[in-house]
């Protein structure tokens, strides 16, 4: 999916690719920052459910009941009943998604956010840019990191939790994308609201999917197709990214916000 998002021929996004390729010959830090700037300038985070579309729990359960156990689905998806840690008791999931005005059976019909759909938001009334949410923005980041950033696909991992989608890019200390933003290891523990938002899913949710060019590992399936060495490499590097010694600087950062 994420390869197609920037690489499809005749996709009508020459402007997007041209806007990113101006930094093609630069180093990765420069290119990653340019990718971030372009995405922030051209896409807003948007959960406009009436645009993405709505469906119902009963319809989706009927659609997928032959493929996996529904009890397993409830353990991996917030909209189907996953509660996770105390975090889920502290927020109203349906209000979080703007679903509180609909019947309790209504849920978003996502996974339709093609690059064309994201760009089409600029033609809606009161919109000046494109729009996307965590799934489409993480796919866009992964594609841009490969096409523009020249990051090998072997170093790009897509991570999903019941409520969020992010990427882990294994370059130097690592990068994690979070909606429209990029978070470095130094930023991860700087005590700001930006880093708190980026940490929220991994601190409060269970990782349900890791997707990679070699395959995937998924809570709902007993067999994983991802290359074992690639997964071990991912696990090792992510653990290093998520851990840090308590220094005076980190202490001061968290004390200041």
Foldseek 3Di string as FASTA:
>chain_A
DLQCLPPPPPPPVPVVVVQLQVCQPPALVVSLVSQLVSCVVFADADLPQVLQDKDFQVVVCVVCVVPFPLVLVLCFAVLSPHQFDCVSVVDDVCVVSPNPVDDSGMDGDHPPDGNVQQQCQCVDPPHNHGYDHQVVQQSNSLNSCVPRVVQDLLQWKWWDGNVHIWIWGDDDLIWIDGRSDIAFLVRCLLQDPVNCNVCVPVVGTDTAWIQGPQFIHGSRDPDTRHDPVSVVVVVVSVVSSNDDDDDPNSVVSNVVD
